[in-house]
Amino acid sequence: MMISILSTVATILSIGGNFLLAKQIKWVFPIWIVSNVMWVGIILATSFNIPQVLMYVVYIGTSAYSWISWGKMEKA
């Protein structure tokens, strides 16, 4: 039951992030970071699919990098 709720929340955050990106709102990145961390936890708790976990870890890194980069562009 808990995994189902977490999966639903992570999915909503992931989809919501896509809409924010379409609007070019930089808060998409922390939302995606939270969503991807949730997916890592869900995967480790259910299937322990390491390649998929690695993919989400990369997504976390690219989201963090992009968030920092957008912040620097706004300051310039």
Protein backbone atom coordinates (compact mmCIF):
# COMPACT_ATOMS: atom_id res chain seq x y z
CA MET A 1 0.00 0.00 0.00
CA MET A 2 2.75 2.46 0.94
CA ILE A 3 4.67 1.72 -2.27
CA SER A 4 1.51 2.38 -4.28
CA ILE A 5 1.07 5.78 -2.61
CA LEU A 6 4.74 6.68 -3.10
CA SER A 7 4.57 5.61 -6.75
CA THR A 8 1.51 7.78 -7.30
CA VAL A 9 3.15 10.82 -5.70
CA ALA A 10 6.39 10.26 -7.63
CA THR A 11 4.43 9.97 -10.88
CA ILE A 12 2.49 13.16 -10.20
CA LEU A 13 5.73 15.01 -9.41
CA SER A 14 7.39 13.65 -12.57
CA ILE A 15 4.49 14.68 -14.81
CA GLY A 16 4.11 18.03 -13.05
CA GLY A 17 7.81 18.63 -13.62
CA ASN A 18 7.34 18.21 -17.34
CA PHE A 19 4.68 20.91 -17.36
CA LEU A 20 6.94 23.25 -15.38
CA LEU A 21 9.77 22.62 -17.83
CA ALA A 22 7.47 23.48 -20.72
CA LYS A 23 6.80 26.80 -18.95
CA GLN A 24 10.57 27.20 -18.34
CA ILE A 25 10.14 27.41 -14.57
CA LYS A 26 13.37 26.50 -12.82
CA TRP A 27 11.59 24.91 -9.83
CA VAL A 28 11.16 21.86 -12.04
CA PHE A 29 14.60 20.69 -10.96
CA PRO A 30 14.06 20.34 -7.18
CA ILE A 31 10.71 18.71 -7.95
CA TRP A 32 12.44 16.22 -10.23
CA ILE A 33 15.15 15.61 -7.64
CA VAL A 34 12.51 14.70 -5.03
CA SER A 35 10.65 12.55 -7.55
CA ASN A 36 13.80 10.72 -8.63
CA VAL A 37 14.88 10.09 -5.04
CA MET A 38 11.45 8.62 -4.43
CA TRP A 39 11.81 6.37 -7.50
CA VAL A 40 15.19 5.15 -6.25
CA GLY A 41 13.61 4.21 -2.93
CA ILE A 42 10.66 2.52 -4.61
CA ILE A 43 12.89 0.49 -6.92
CA LEU A 44 15.22 -0.56 -4.11
CA ALA A 45 12.24 -1.59 -1.99
CA THR A 46 10.56 -3.61 -4.72
CA SER A 47 12.66 -4.93 -7.58
CA PHE A 48 16.23 -3.93 -6.68
CA ASN A 49 16.84 -3.18 -10.37
CA ILE A 50 20.33 -1.65 -10.16
CA PRO A 51 20.53 -0.37 -13.78
CA GLN A 52 17.26 1.50 -13.25
CA VAL A 53 18.51 2.88 -9.93
CA LEU A 54 21.67 4.11 -11.67
CA MET A 55 19.53 5.82 -14.31
CA TYR A 56 17.58 7.71 -11.64
CA VAL A 57 20.81 8.64 -9.85
CA VAL A 58 22.04 10.18 -13.11
CA TYR A 59 18.71 12.02 -13.42
CA ILE A 60 19.22 13.39 -9.90
CA GLY A 61 22.69 14.61 -10.88
CA THR A 62 21.56 16.22 -14.12
CA SER A 63 18.65 17.91 -12.34
CA ALA A 64 20.98 19.32 -9.67
CA TYR A 65 23.44 20.49 -12.33
CA SER A 66 20.67 22.10 -14.38
CA TRP A 67 19.18 23.84 -11.32
CA ILE A 68 22.57 25.36 -10.50
CA SER A 69 23.20 26.32 -14.13
CA TRP A 70 19.82 28.05 -14.48
CA GLY A 71 20.48 29.95 -11.26
CA LYS A 72 23.81 31.20 -12.60
CA MET A 73 22.22 32.26 -15.91
CA GLU A 74 19.59 34.27 -14.03
CA LYS A 75 22.27 36.13 -12.07
CA ALA A 76 24.23 37.01 -15.21
